[in-house]
Amino acid sequence: MPACDALTPAPWTLPALRLRWNQVKNEIAPWWPECSKEAFSAGLDQLARALKNFSDSRNGKRKGRRVGFPRFKKRGKARDSFRYTTGAYGPADDLRVKLPRIGRVKVHESMSALTGRLAGGKG
């Protein structure tokens, strides 16, 4: 496959954004294998949703107020978050959660209620 130009536009759907990212990731982000793929996947999903809301708002397909073009949110200035959809993640003990590639992370709230629900099959 020939090298891709990083400036060519991509369609605003999640599969198209993911395909384009996979084509150019080694050129524009050589450090990406060190990170969890879930961070990129969740980011692309949120971008696709924001672009769809913007497009639908401009075309009159979306109810409510008009939505502007999605803006970049600097780390630490907005709610920093991402989600895991695959992999082995879950409570490690009462005060820690186990995340793929990251390991055990301390949480602010006790995990005992969640652990009890998971053990009872209600979580």
PDB file of N, CA and C in Angstrom:
ATOM      1  N   MET A   1       0.840  -1.169   0.000  1.00  0.00           N
ATOM      2  CA  MET A   1       0.000   0.000   0.000  1.00  0.00           C
ATOM      3  C   MET A   1       0.893   1.242   0.000  1.00  0.00           C
ATOM      4  N   PRO A   2       0.606   2.237  -0.846  1.00  0.00           N
ATOM      5  CA  PRO A   2       1.437   3.431  -0.881  1.00  0.00           C
ATOM      6  C   PRO A   2       1.269   4.254   0.392  1.00  0.00           C
ATOM      7  N   ALA A   3       2.296   5.051   0.685  1.00  0.00           N
ATOM      8  CA  ALA A   3       2.232   5.911   1.865  1.00  0.00           C
ATOM      9  C   ALA A   3       1.091   6.902   1.722  1.00  0.00           C
ATOM     10  N   CYS A   4       0.400   7.162   2.810  1.00  0.00           N
ATOM     11  CA  CYS A   4      -0.766   8.047   2.779  1.00  0.00           C
ATOM     12  C   CYS A   4      -0.351   9.463   3.121  1.00  0.00           C
ATOM     13  N   ASP A   5      -0.975  10.413   2.489  1.00  0.00           N
ATOM     14  CA  ASP A   5      -0.766  11.805   2.828  1.00  0.00           C
ATOM     15  C   ASP A   5      -1.602  12.112   4.056  1.00  0.00           C
ATOM     16  N   ALA A   6      -1.000  12.616   5.106  1.00  0.00           N
ATOM     17  CA  ALA A   6      -1.708  12.850   6.360  1.00  0.00           C
ATOM     18  C   ALA A   6      -2.733  13.967   6.255  1.00  0.00           C
ATOM     19  N   LEU A   7      -2.730  14.751   5.186  1.00  0.00           N
ATOM     20  CA  LEU A   7      -3.634  15.881   5.082  1.00  0.00           C
ATOM     21  C   LEU A   7      -4.874  15.598   4.247  1.00  0.00           C
ATOM     22  N   THR A   8      -4.989  14.413   3.658  1.00  0.00           N
ATOM     23  CA  THR A   8      -6.193  14.122   2.889  1.00  0.00           C
ATOM     24  C   THR A   8      -7.352  13.893   3.842  1.00  0.00           C
ATOM     25  N   PRO A   9      -8.520  14.444   3.529  1.00  0.00           N
ATOM     26  CA  PRO A   9      -9.652  14.317   4.445  1.00  0.00           C
ATOM     27  C   PRO A   9     -10.193  12.895   4.522  1.00  0.00           C
ATOM     28  N   ALA A  10     -10.773  12.567   5.659  1.00  0.00           N
ATOM     29  CA  ALA A  10     -11.395  11.263   5.865  1.00  0.00           C
ATOM     30  C   ALA A  10     -12.884  11.474   6.111  1.00  0.00           C
ATOM     31  N   PRO A  11     -13.740  10.535   5.727  1.00  0.00           N
ATOM     32  CA  PRO A  11     -15.162  10.650   6.046  1.00  0.00           C
ATOM     33  C   PRO A  11     -15.366  10.668   7.563  1.00  0.00           C
ATOM     34  N   TRP A  12     -16.495  11.193   8.004  1.00  0.00           N
ATOM     35  CA  TRP A  12     -16.739  11.400   9.422  1.00  0.00           C
ATOM     36  C   TRP A  12     -17.481  10.260  10.080  1.00  0.00           C
ATOM     37  N   THR A  13     -17.160   9.032   9.752  1.00  0.00           N
ATOM     38  CA  THR A  13     -17.766   7.885  10.415  1.00  0.00           C
ATOM     39  C   THR A  13     -16.687   7.147  11.192  1.00  0.00           C
ATOM     40  N   LEU A  14     -17.090   6.415  12.221  1.00  0.00           N
ATOM     41  CA  LEU A  14     -16.118   5.702  13.047  1.00  0.00           C
ATOM     42  C   LEU A  14     -15.290   4.698  12.244  1.00  0.00           C
ATOM     43  N   PRO A  15     -15.892   3.853  11.393  1.00  0.00           N
ATOM     44  CA  PRO A  15     -15.059   2.928  10.626  1.00  0.00           C
ATOM     45  C   PRO A  15     -14.063   3.644   9.709  1.00  0.00           C
ATOM     46  N   ALA A  16     -14.490   4.743   9.094  1.00  0.00           N
ATOM     47  CA  ALA A  16     -13.595   5.477   8.204  1.00  0.00           C
ATOM     48  C   ALA A  16     -12.475   6.159   8.979  1.00  0.00           C
ATOM     49  N   LEU A  17     -12.804   6.724  10.146  1.00  0.00           N
ATOM     50  CA  LEU A  17     -11.775   7.361  10.973  1.00  0.00           C
ATOM     51  C   LEU A  17     -10.781   6.328  11.481  1.00  0.00           C
ATOM     52  N   ARG A  18     -11.287   5.161  11.899  1.00  0.00           N
ATOM     53  CA  ARG A  18     -10.397   4.099  12.392  1.00  0.00           C
ATOM     54  C   ARG A  18      -9.493   3.581  11.277  1.00  0.00           C
ATOM     55  N   LEU A  19     -10.042   3.404  10.073  1.00  0.00           N
ATOM     56  CA  LEU A  19      -9.244   2.962   8.926  1.00  0.00           C
ATOM     57  C   LEU A  19      -8.159   3.983   8.609  1.00  0.00           C
ATOM     58  N   ARG A  20      -8.529   5.259   8.607  1.00  0.00           N
ATOM     59  CA  ARG A  20      -7.549   6.318   8.304  1.00  0.00           C
ATOM     60  C   ARG A  20      -6.469   6.366   9.376  1.00  0.00           C
ATOM     61  N   TRP A  21      -6.858   6.232  10.652  1.00  0.00           N
ATOM     62  CA  TRP A  21      -5.874   6.223  11.736  1.00  0.00           C
ATOM     63  C   TRP A  21      -4.889   5.071  11.554  1.00  0.00           C
ATOM     64  N   ASN A  22      -5.397   3.884  11.228  1.00  0.00           N
ATOM     65  CA  ASN A  22      -4.515   2.734  11.041  1.00  0.00           C
ATOM     66  C   ASN A  22      -3.564   2.924   9.864  1.00  0.00           C
ATOM     67  N   GLN A  23      -3.957   3.718   8.865  1.00  0.00           N
ATOM     68  CA  GLN A  23      -3.086   3.971   7.720  1.00  0.00           C
ATOM     69  C   GLN A  23      -1.939   4.912   8.066  1.00  0.00           C
ATOM     70  N   VAL A  24      -2.190   5.894   8.934  1.00  0.00           N
ATOM     71  CA  VAL A  24      -1.191   6.931   9.177  1.00  0.00           C
ATOM     72  C   VAL A  24      -0.543   6.901  10.556  1.00  0.00           C
ATOM     73  N   LYS A  25      -0.976   6.001  11.441  1.00  0.00           N
ATOM     74  CA  LYS A  25      -0.499   6.046  12.825  1.00  0.00           C
ATOM     75  C   LYS A  25       1.014   5.867  12.959  1.00  0.00           C
ATOM     76  N   ASN A  26       1.617   5.034  12.141  1.00  0.00           N
ATOM     77  CA  ASN A  26       3.059   4.819  12.264  1.00  0.00           C
ATOM     78  C   ASN A  26       3.864   6.023  11.815  1.00  0.00           C
ATOM     79  N   GLU A  27       3.313   6.823  10.902  1.00  0.00           N
ATOM     80  CA  GLU A  27       4.008   8.011  10.415  1.00  0.00           C
ATOM     81  C   GLU A  27       3.874   9.190  11.371  1.00  0.00           C
ATOM     82  N   ILE A  28       2.661   9.415  11.885  1.00  0.00           N
ATOM     83  CA  ILE A  28       2.439  10.618  12.677  1.00  0.00           C
ATOM     84  C   ILE A  28       2.556  10.393  14.184  1.00  0.00           C
ATOM     85  N   ALA A  29       2.499   9.153  14.632  1.00  0.00           N
ATOM     86  CA  ALA A  29       2.594   8.860  16.060  1.00  0.00           C
ATOM     87  C   ALA A  29       3.397   7.579  16.271  1.00  0.00           C
ATOM     88  N   PRO A  30       4.720   7.630  16.118  1.00  0.00           N
ATOM     89  CA  PRO A  30       5.518   6.411  16.260  1.00  0.00           C
ATOM     90  C   PRO A  30       5.490   5.827  17.677  1.00  0.00           C
ATOM     91  N   TRP A  31       5.033   6.585  18.650  1.00  0.00           N
ATOM     92  CA  TRP A  31       4.971   6.140  20.042  1.00  0.00           C
ATOM     93  C   TRP A  31       3.678   5.409  20.374  1.00  0.00           C
ATOM     94  N   TRP A  32       2.748   5.303  19.459  1.00  0.00           N
ATOM     95  CA  TRP A  32       1.410   4.784  19.765  1.00  0.00           C
ATOM     96  C   TRP A  32       1.385   3.363  20.323  1.00  0.00           C
ATOM     97  N   PRO A  33       2.300   2.439  19.952  1.00  0.00           N
ATOM     98  CA  PRO A  33       2.192   1.084  20.530  1.00  0.00           C
ATOM     99  C   PRO A  33       2.403   1.043  22.046  1.00  0.00           C
ATOM    100  N   GLU A  34       3.012   2.082  22.619  1.00  0.00           N
ATOM    101  CA  GLU A  34       3.245   2.112  24.057  1.00  0.00           C
ATOM    102  C   GLU A  34       1.960   2.376  24.836  1.00  0.00           C
ATOM    103  N   CYS A  35       0.936   2.866  24.164  1.00  0.00           N
ATOM    104  CA  CYS A  35      -0.329   3.228  24.813  1.00  0.00           C
ATOM    105  C   CYS A  35      -1.374   2.144  24.588  1.00  0.00           C
ATOM    106  N   SER A  36      -2.405   2.185  25.382  1.00  0.00           N
ATOM    107  CA  SER A  36      -3.510   1.249  25.222  1.00  0.00           C
ATOM    108  C   SER A  36      -4.312   1.613  23.987  1.00  0.00           C
ATOM    109  N   LYS A  37      -4.699   0.608  23.214  1.00  0.00           N
ATOM    110  CA  LYS A  37      -5.493   0.867  22.012  1.00  0.00           C
ATOM    111  C   LYS A  37      -6.864   1.415  22.367  1.00  0.00           C
ATOM    112  N   GLU A  38      -7.303   1.184  23.595  1.00  0.00           N
ATOM    113  CA  GLU A  38      -8.615   1.656  24.023  1.00  0.00           C
ATOM    114  C   GLU A  38      -8.684   3.181  24.065  1.00  0.00           C
ATOM    115  N   ALA A  39      -7.580   3.835  24.393  1.00  0.00           N
ATOM    116  CA  ALA A  39      -7.576   5.297  24.415  1.00  0.00           C
ATOM    117  C   ALA A  39      -7.840   5.849  23.019  1.00  0.00           C
ATOM    118  N   PHE A  40      -7.221   5.267  22.014  1.00  0.00           N
ATOM    119  CA  PHE A  40      -7.429   5.729  20.644  1.00  0.00           C
ATOM    120  C   PHE A  40      -8.829   5.371  20.162  1.00  0.00           C
ATOM    121  N   SER A  41      -9.295   4.181  20.483  1.00  0.00           N
ATOM    122  CA  SER A  41     -10.606   3.738  20.058  1.00  0.00           C
ATOM    123  C   SER A  41     -11.705   4.618  20.649  1.00  0.00           C
ATOM    124  N   ALA A  42     -11.610   4.905  21.943  1.00  0.00           N
ATOM    125  CA  ALA A  42     -12.611   5.747  22.593  1.00  0.00           C
ATOM    126  C   ALA A  42     -12.554   7.167  22.046  1.00  0.00           C
ATOM    127  N   GLY A  43     -11.357   7.671  21.797  1.00  0.00           N
ATOM    128  CA  GLY A  43     -11.213   9.016  21.240  1.00  0.00           C
ATOM    129  C   GLY A  43     -11.810   9.129  19.851  1.00  0.00           C
ATOM    130  N   LEU A  44     -11.563   8.123  19.016  1.00  0.00           N
ATOM    131  CA  LEU A  44     -12.135   8.129  17.670  1.00  0.00           C
ATOM    132  C   LEU A  44     -13.657   8.010  17.716  1.00  0.00           C
ATOM    133  N   ASP A  45     -14.177   7.217  18.661  1.00  0.00           N
ATOM    134  CA  ASP A  45     -15.621   7.080  18.806  1.00  0.00           C
ATOM    135  C   ASP A  45     -16.247   8.413  19.194  1.00  0.00           C
ATOM    136  N   GLN A  46     -15.659   9.093  20.168  1.00  0.00           N
ATOM    137  CA  GLN A  46     -16.188  10.390  20.587  1.00  0.00           C
ATOM    138  C   GLN A  46     -16.086  11.418  19.464  1.00  0.00           C
ATOM    139  N   LEU A  47     -14.991  11.392  18.699  1.00  0.00           N
ATOM    140  CA  LEU A  47     -14.842  12.307  17.568  1.00  0.00           C
ATOM    141  C   LEU A  47     -15.907  12.039  16.517  1.00  0.00           C
ATOM    142  N   ALA A  48     -16.147  10.777  16.196  1.00  0.00           N
ATOM    143  CA  ALA A  48     -17.164  10.440  15.200  1.00  0.00           C
ATOM    144  C   ALA A  48     -18.548  10.894  15.652  1.00  0.00           C
ATOM    145  N   ARG A  49     -18.855  10.722  16.942  1.00  0.00           N
ATOM    146  CA  ARG A  49     -20.154  11.175  17.464  1.00  0.00           C
ATOM    147  C   ARG A  49     -20.278  12.685  17.397  1.00  0.00           C
ATOM    148  N   ALA A  50     -19.210  13.397  17.750  1.00  0.00           N
ATOM    149  CA  ALA A  50     -19.240  14.857  17.720  1.00  0.00           C
ATOM    150  C   ALA A  50     -19.393  15.371  16.292  1.00  0.00           C
ATOM    151  N   LEU A  51     -18.683  14.756  15.348  1.00  0.00           N
ATOM    152  CA  LEU A  51     -18.792  15.177  13.947  1.00  0.00           C
ATOM    153  C   LEU A  51     -20.180  14.877  13.385  1.00  0.00           C
ATOM    154  N   LYS A  52     -20.764  13.752  13.786  1.00  0.00           N
ATOM    155  CA  LYS A  52     -22.121  13.428  13.330  1.00  0.00           C
ATOM    156  C   LYS A  52     -23.125  14.418  13.895  1.00  0.00           C
ATOM    157  N   ASN A  53     -22.993  14.761  15.177  1.00  0.00           N
ATOM    158  CA  ASN A  53     -23.889  15.750  15.778  1.00  0.00           C
ATOM    159  C   ASN A  53     -23.755  17.101  15.080  1.00  0.00           C
ATOM    160  N   PHE A  54     -22.532  17.501  14.777  1.00  0.00           N
ATOM    161  CA  PHE A  54     -22.310  18.761  14.063  1.00  0.00           C
ATOM    162  C   PHE A  54     -22.956  18.724  12.690  1.00  0.00           C
ATOM    163  N   SER A  55     -22.722  17.663  11.953  1.00  0.00           N
ATOM    164  CA  SER A  55     -23.268  17.534  10.601  1.00  0.00           C
ATOM    165  C   SER A  55     -24.800  17.478  10.622  1.00  0.00           C
ATOM    166  N   ASP A  56     -25.355  16.676  11.523  1.00  0.00           N
ATOM    167  CA  ASP A  56     -26.812  16.577  11.624  1.00  0.00           C
ATOM    168  C   ASP A  56     -27.433  17.906  12.052  1.00  0.00           C
ATOM    169  N   SER A  57     -26.750  18.637  12.920  1.00  0.00           N
ATOM    170  CA  SER A  57     -27.248  19.928  13.361  1.00  0.00           C
ATOM    171  C   SER A  57     -27.279  20.922  12.203  1.00  0.00           C
ATOM    172  N   ARG A  58     -26.254  20.921  11.384  1.00  0.00           N
ATOM    173  CA  ARG A  58     -26.183  21.840  10.240  1.00  0.00           C
ATOM    174  C   ARG A  58     -27.218  21.497   9.175  1.00  0.00           C
ATOM    175  N   ASN A  59     -27.540  20.202   9.049  1.00  0.00           N
ATOM    176  CA  ASN A  59     -28.485  19.775   8.020  1.00  0.00           C
ATOM    177  C   ASN A  59     -29.930  19.715   8.512  1.00  0.00           C
ATOM    178  N   GLY A  60     -30.179  20.100   9.766  1.00  0.00           N
ATOM    179  CA  GLY A  60     -31.532  20.103  10.303  1.00  0.00           C
ATOM    180  C   GLY A  60     -32.052  18.742  10.709  1.00  0.00           C
ATOM    181  N   LYS A  61     -31.184  17.731  10.827  1.00  0.00           N
ATOM    182  CA  LYS A  61     -31.598  16.378  11.209  1.00  0.00           C
ATOM    183  C   LYS A  61     -31.562  16.166  12.716  1.00  0.00           C
ATOM    184  N   ARG A  62     -31.017  17.121  13.448  1.00  0.00           N
ATOM    185  CA  ARG A  62     -30.837  16.962  14.889  1.00  0.00           C
ATOM    186  C   ARG A  62     -31.724  17.961  15.617  1.00  0.00           C
ATOM    187  N   LYS A  63     -32.460  17.482  16.609  1.00  0.00           N
ATOM    188  CA  LYS A  63     -33.309  18.371  17.399  1.00  0.00           C
ATOM    189  C   LYS A  63     -32.459  19.121  18.415  1.00  0.00           C
ATOM    190  N   GLY A  64     -32.991  20.221  18.894  1.00  0.00           N
ATOM    191  CA  GLY A  64     -32.287  20.999  19.909  1.00  0.00           C
ATOM    192  C   GLY A  64     -31.472  22.112  19.300  1.00  0.00           C
ATOM    193  N   ARG A  65     -30.637  22.716  20.127  1.00  0.00           N
ATOM    194  CA  ARG A  65     -29.834  23.850  19.673  1.00  0.00           C
ATOM    195  C   ARG A  65     -28.790  23.404  18.663  1.00  0.00           C
ATOM    196  N   ARG A  66     -28.316  24.356  17.874  1.00  0.00           N
ATOM    197  CA  ARG A  66     -27.287  24.026  16.886  1.00  0.00           C
ATOM    198  C   ARG A  66     -25.975  23.717  17.590  1.00  0.00           C
ATOM    199  N   VAL A  67     -25.290  22.742  17.074  1.00  0.00           N
ATOM    200  CA  VAL A  67     -24.032  22.288  17.659  1.00  0.00           C
ATOM    201  C   VAL A  67     -22.898  22.791  16.792  1.00  0.00           C
ATOM    202  N   GLY A  68     -21.865  23.323  17.423  1.00  0.00           N
ATOM    203  CA  GLY A  68     -20.705  23.809  16.698  1.00  0.00           C
ATOM    204  C   GLY A  68     -19.735  22.692  16.375  1.00  0.00           C
ATOM    205  N   PHE A  69     -18.722  23.016  15.574  1.00  0.00           N
ATOM    206  CA  PHE A  69     -17.688  22.053  15.222  1.00  0.00           C
ATOM    207  C   PHE A  69     -16.927  21.661  16.485  1.00  0.00           C
ATOM    208  N   PRO A  70     -16.612  20.373  16.651  1.00  0.00           N
ATOM    209  CA  PRO A  70     -15.915  19.936  17.875  1.00  0.00           C
ATOM    210  C   PRO A  70     -14.550  20.605  18.006  1.00  0.00           C
ATOM    211  N   ARG A  71     -14.260  21.034  19.226  1.00  0.00           N
ATOM    212  CA  ARG A  71     -12.983  21.698  19.492  1.00  0.00           C
ATOM    213  C   ARG A  71     -12.065  20.775  20.272  1.00  0.00           C
ATOM    214  N   PHE A  72     -10.781  20.972  20.101  1.00  0.00           N
ATOM    215  CA  PHE A  72      -9.791  20.207  20.857  1.00  0.00           C
ATOM    216  C   PHE A  72      -9.833  20.657  22.312  1.00  0.00           C
ATOM    217  N   LYS A  73      -9.833  19.712  23.214  1.00  0.00           N
ATOM    218  CA  LYS A  73      -9.840  20.018  24.630  1.00  0.00           C
ATOM    219  C   LYS A  73      -8.513  19.600  25.237  1.00  0.00           C
ATOM    220  N   LYS A  74      -7.771  20.578  25.693  1.00  0.00           N
ATOM    221  CA  LYS A  74      -6.455  20.346  26.260  1.00  0.00           C
ATOM    222  C   LYS A  74      -6.553  19.474  27.509  1.00  0.00           C
ATOM    223  N   ARG A  75      -5.599  18.572  27.658  1.00  0.00           N
ATOM    224  CA  ARG A  75      -5.579  17.691  28.819  1.00  0.00           C
ATOM    225  C   ARG A  75      -5.532  18.527  30.093  1.00  0.00           C
ATOM    226  N   GLY A  76      -6.393  18.195  31.044  1.00  0.00           N
ATOM    227  CA  GLY A  76      -6.438  18.899  32.312  1.00  0.00           C
ATOM    228  C   GLY A  76      -7.420  20.056  32.332  1.00  0.00           C
ATOM    229  N   LYS A  77      -7.875  20.523  31.168  1.00  0.00           N
ATOM    230  CA  LYS A  77      -8.817  21.645  31.118  1.00  0.00           C
ATOM    231  C   LYS A  77     -10.257  21.162  30.968  1.00  0.00           C
ATOM    232  N   ALA A  78     -10.455  19.925  30.609  1.00  0.00           N
ATOM    233  CA  ALA A  78     -11.785  19.338  30.488  1.00  0.00           C
ATOM    234  C   ALA A  78     -11.778  18.047  31.310  1.00  0.00           C
ATOM    235  N   ARG A  79     -12.864  17.316  31.303  1.00  0.00           N
ATOM    236  CA  ARG A  79     -12.908  16.058  32.040  1.00  0.00           C
ATOM    237  C   ARG A  79     -12.079  15.019  31.297  1.00  0.00           C
ATOM    238  N   ASP A  80     -10.952  14.648  31.877  1.00  0.00           N
ATOM    239  CA  ASP A  80     -10.078  13.646  31.273  1.00  0.00           C
ATOM    240  C   ASP A  80     -10.687  12.264  31.491  1.00  0.00           C
ATOM    241  N   SER A  81     -10.940  11.556  30.404  1.00  0.00           N
ATOM    242  CA  SER A  81     -11.507  10.218  30.543  1.00  0.00           C
ATOM    243  C   SER A  81     -11.311   9.431  29.265  1.00  0.00           C
ATOM    244  N   PHE A  82     -11.386   8.129  29.392  1.00  0.00           N
ATOM    245  CA  PHE A  82     -11.504   7.222  28.254  1.00  0.00           C
ATOM    246  C   PHE A  82     -12.106   5.949  28.804  1.00  0.00           C
ATOM    247  N   ARG A  83     -12.553   5.078  27.920  1.00  0.00           N
ATOM    248  CA  ARG A  83     -13.211   3.866  28.405  1.00  0.00           C
ATOM    249  C   ARG A  83     -12.563   2.629  27.801  1.00  0.00           C
ATOM    250  N   TYR A  84     -12.663   1.539  28.544  1.00  0.00           N
ATOM    251  CA  TYR A  84     -12.211   0.245  28.075  1.00  0.00           C
ATOM    252  C   TYR A  84     -13.417  -0.533  27.559  1.00  0.00           C
ATOM    253  N   THR A  85     -13.274  -1.168  26.420  1.00  0.00           N
ATOM    254  CA  THR A  85     -14.348  -1.999  25.892  1.00  0.00           C
ATOM    255  C   THR A  85     -13.902  -3.450  25.721  1.00  0.00           C
ATOM    256  N   THR A  86     -12.610  -3.698  25.729  1.00  0.00           N
ATOM    257  CA  THR A  86     -12.091  -5.062  25.613  1.00  0.00           C
ATOM    258  C   THR A  86     -10.961  -5.244  26.613  1.00  0.00           C
ATOM    259  N   GLY A  87     -10.542  -6.475  26.782  1.00  0.00           N
ATOM    260  CA  GLY A  87      -9.420  -6.756  27.662  1.00  0.00           C
ATOM    261  C   GLY A  87      -9.880  -7.169  29.044  1.00  0.00           C
ATOM    262  N   ALA A  88      -8.921  -7.564  29.860  1.00  0.00           N
ATOM    263  CA  ALA A  88      -9.204  -8.023  31.218  1.00  0.00           C
ATOM    264  C   ALA A  88      -9.077  -6.835  32.168  1.00  0.00           C
ATOM    265  N   TYR A  89     -10.206  -6.271  32.545  1.00  0.00           N
ATOM    266  CA  TYR A  89     -10.204  -5.167  33.484  1.00  0.00           C
ATOM    267  C   TYR A  89     -11.258  -5.441  34.550  1.00  0.00           C
ATOM    268  N   GLY A  90     -11.088  -4.824  35.699  1.00  0.00           N
ATOM    269  CA  GLY A  90     -12.040  -5.024  36.782  1.00  0.00           C
ATOM    270  C   GLY A  90     -11.390  -4.758  38.121  1.00  0.00           C
ATOM    271  N   PRO A  91     -12.128  -4.978  39.190  1.00  0.00           N
ATOM    272  CA  PRO A  91     -11.579  -4.704  40.517  1.00  0.00           C
ATOM    273  C   PRO A  91     -10.452  -5.676  40.867  1.00  0.00           C
ATOM    274  N   ALA A  92      -9.357  -5.114  41.394  1.00  0.00           N
ATOM    275  CA  ALA A  92      -8.246  -5.943  41.839  1.00  0.00           C
ATOM    276  C   ALA A  92      -8.391  -6.247  43.330  1.00  0.00           C
ATOM    277  N   ASP A  93      -8.803  -5.254  44.098  1.00  0.00           N
ATOM    278  CA  ASP A  93      -9.129  -5.411  45.514  1.00  0.00           C
ATOM    279  C   ASP A  93     -10.044  -4.246  45.884  1.00  0.00           C
ATOM    280  N   ASP A  94     -10.209  -3.979  47.190  1.00  0.00           N
ATOM    281  CA  ASP A  94     -11.171  -2.949  47.603  1.00  0.00           C
ATOM    282  C   ASP A  94     -10.773  -1.526  47.215  1.00  0.00           C
ATOM    283  N   LEU A  95      -9.494  -1.254  47.001  1.00  0.00           N
ATOM    284  CA  LEU A  95      -9.062   0.102  46.693  1.00  0.00           C
ATOM    285  C   LEU A  95      -8.337   0.234  45.355  1.00  0.00           C
ATOM    286  N   ARG A  96      -8.333  -0.829  44.566  1.00  0.00           N
ATOM    287  CA  ARG A  96      -7.614  -0.765  43.289  1.00  0.00           C
ATOM    288  C   ARG A  96      -8.412  -1.446  42.178  1.00  0.00           C
ATOM    289  N   VAL A  97      -8.203  -0.959  40.962  1.00  0.00           N
ATOM    290  CA  VAL A  97      -8.806  -1.560  39.781  1.00  0.00           C
ATOM    291  C   VAL A  97      -7.671  -1.980  38.848  1.00  0.00           C
ATOM    292  N   LYS A  98      -7.840  -3.111  38.165  1.00  0.00           N
ATOM    293  CA  LYS A  98      -6.811  -3.627  37.257  1.00  0.00           C
ATOM    294  C   LYS A  98      -7.178  -3.216  35.833  1.00  0.00           C
ATOM    295  N   LEU A  99      -6.257  -2.533  35.151  1.00  0.00           N
ATOM    296  CA  LEU A  99      -6.463  -2.075  33.783  1.00  0.00           C
ATOM    297  C   LEU A  99      -5.409  -2.668  32.861  1.00  0.00           C
ATOM    298  N   PRO A 100      -5.788  -3.057  31.629  1.00  0.00           N
ATOM    299  CA  PRO A 100      -4.806  -3.584  30.689  1.00  0.00           C
ATOM    300  C   PRO A 100      -3.725  -2.549  30.377  1.00  0.00           C
ATOM    301  N   ARG A 101      -2.504  -2.998  30.240  1.00  0.00           N
ATOM    302  CA  ARG A 101      -1.328  -2.196  29.904  1.00  0.00           C
ATOM    303  C   ARG A 101      -0.908  -1.231  30.993  1.00  0.00           C
ATOM    304  N   ILE A 102      -1.805  -0.878  31.898  1.00  0.00           N
ATOM    305  CA  ILE A 102      -1.498   0.090  32.941  1.00  0.00           C
ATOM    306  C   ILE A 102      -1.190  -0.622  34.246  1.00  0.00           C
ATOM    307  N   GLY A 103      -1.985  -1.650  34.562  1.00  0.00           N
ATOM    308  CA  GLY A 103      -1.808  -2.386  35.806  1.00  0.00           C
ATOM    309  C   GLY A 103      -2.822  -1.959  36.841  1.00  0.00           C
ATOM    310  N   ARG A 104      -2.437  -2.033  38.103  1.00  0.00           N
ATOM    311  CA  ARG A 104      -3.344  -1.687  39.195  1.00  0.00           C
ATOM    312  C   ARG A 104      -3.300  -0.185  39.452  1.00  0.00           C
ATOM    313  N   VAL A 105      -4.497   0.400  39.574  1.00  0.00           N
ATOM    314  CA  VAL A 105      -4.631   1.836  39.803  1.00  0.00           C
ATOM    315  C   VAL A 105      -5.500   2.046  41.030  1.00  0.00           C
ATOM    316  N   LYS A 106      -5.045   2.918  41.923  1.00  0.00           N
ATOM    317  CA  LYS A 106      -5.807   3.222  43.121  1.00  0.00           C
ATOM    318  C   LYS A 106      -7.025   4.064  42.751  1.00  0.00           C
ATOM    319  N   VAL A 107      -8.158   3.768  43.372  1.00  0.00           N
ATOM    320  CA  VAL A 107      -9.394   4.511  43.119  1.00  0.00           C
ATOM    321  C   VAL A 107      -9.784   5.278  44.379  1.00  0.00           C
ATOM    322  N   HIS A 108     -10.630   6.279  44.228  1.00  0.00           N
ATOM    323  CA  HIS A 108     -11.030   7.116  45.356  1.00  0.00           C
ATOM    324  C   HIS A 108     -12.142   6.495  46.185  1.00  0.00           C
ATOM    325  N   GLU A 109     -12.971   5.668  45.557  1.00  0.00           N
ATOM    326  CA  GLU A 109     -14.086   5.055  46.272  1.00  0.00           C
ATOM    327  C   GLU A 109     -13.815   3.567  46.472  1.00  0.00           C
ATOM    328  N   SER A 110     -14.415   3.017  47.512  1.00  0.00           N
ATOM    329  CA  SER A 110     -14.241   1.600  47.804  1.00  0.00           C
ATOM    330  C   SER A 110     -14.864   0.749  46.705  1.00  0.00           C
ATOM    331  N   MET A 111     -14.188  -0.319  46.326  1.00  0.00           N
ATOM    332  CA  MET A 111     -14.674  -1.227  45.291  1.00  0.00           C
ATOM    333  C   MET A 111     -15.462  -2.395  45.888  1.00  0.00           C
ATOM    334  N   SER A 112     -15.672  -2.415  47.213  1.00  0.00           N
ATOM    335  CA  SER A 112     -16.302  -3.567  47.849  1.00  0.00           C
ATOM    336  C   SER A 112     -17.743  -3.768  47.380  1.00  0.00           C
ATOM    337  N   ALA A 113     -18.500  -2.689  47.160  1.00  0.00           N
ATOM    338  CA  ALA A 113     -19.877  -2.838  46.682  1.00  0.00           C
ATOM    339  C   ALA A 113     -19.905  -3.431  45.277  1.00  0.00           C
ATOM    340  N   LEU A 114     -19.030  -2.957  44.415  1.00  0.00           N
ATOM    341  CA  LEU A 114     -18.957  -3.490  43.054  1.00  0.00           C
ATOM    342  C   LEU A 114     -18.487  -4.937  43.057  1.00  0.00           C
ATOM    343  N   THR A 115     -17.497  -5.239  43.884  1.00  0.00           N
ATOM    344  CA  THR A 115     -16.989  -6.611  43.981  1.00  0.00           C
ATOM    345  C   THR A 115     -18.090  -7.554  44.443  1.00  0.00           C
ATOM    346  N   GLY A 116     -18.895  -7.122  45.416  1.00  0.00           N
ATOM    347  CA  GLY A 116     -20.006  -7.941  45.900  1.00  0.00           C
ATOM    348  C   GLY A 116     -21.064  -8.182  44.827  1.00  0.00           C
ATOM    349  N   ARG A 117     -21.373  -7.146  44.048  1.00  0.00           N
ATOM    350  CA  ARG A 117     -22.348  -7.295  42.970  1.00  0.00           C
ATOM    351  C   ARG A 117     -21.825  -8.235  41.881  1.00  0.00           C
ATOM    352  N   LEU A 118     -20.549  -8.110  41.559  1.00  0.00           N
ATOM    353  CA  LEU A 118     -19.965  -8.995  40.536  1.00  0.00           C
ATOM    354  C   LEU A 118     -19.979 -10.443  41.006  1.00  0.00           C
ATOM    355  N   ALA A 119     -19.668 -10.678  42.286  1.00  0.00           N
ATOM    356  CA  ALA A 119     -19.673 -12.039  42.832  1.00  0.00           C
ATOM    357  C   ALA A 119     -21.081 -12.624  42.834  1.00  0.00           C
ATOM    358  N   GLY A 120     -22.093 -11.772  43.045  1.00  0.00           N
ATOM    359  CA  GLY A 120     -23.478 -12.246  43.066  1.00  0.00           C
ATOM    360  C   GLY A 120     -24.115 -12.305  41.688  1.00  0.00           C
ATOM    361  N   GLY A 121     -23.375 -11.926  40.650  1.00  0.00           N
ATOM    362  CA  GLY A 121     -23.892 -11.954  39.295  1.00  0.00           C
ATOM    363  C   GLY A 121     -24.836 -10.809  38.959  1.00  0.00           C
ATOM    364  N   LYS A 122     -24.790  -9.713  39.744  1.00  0.00           N
ATOM    365  CA  LYS A 122     -25.684  -8.582  39.521  1.00  0.00           C
ATOM    366  C   LYS A 122     -24.940  -7.344  39.038  1.00  0.00           C
ATOM    367  N   GLY A 123     -23.625  -7.463  38.777  1.00  0.00           N
ATOM    368  CA  GLY A 123     -22.827  -6.294  38.401  1.00  0.00           C
ATOM    369  C   GLY A 123     -22.691  -6.109  36.926  1.00  0.00           C
TER     370      GLY A 123
END
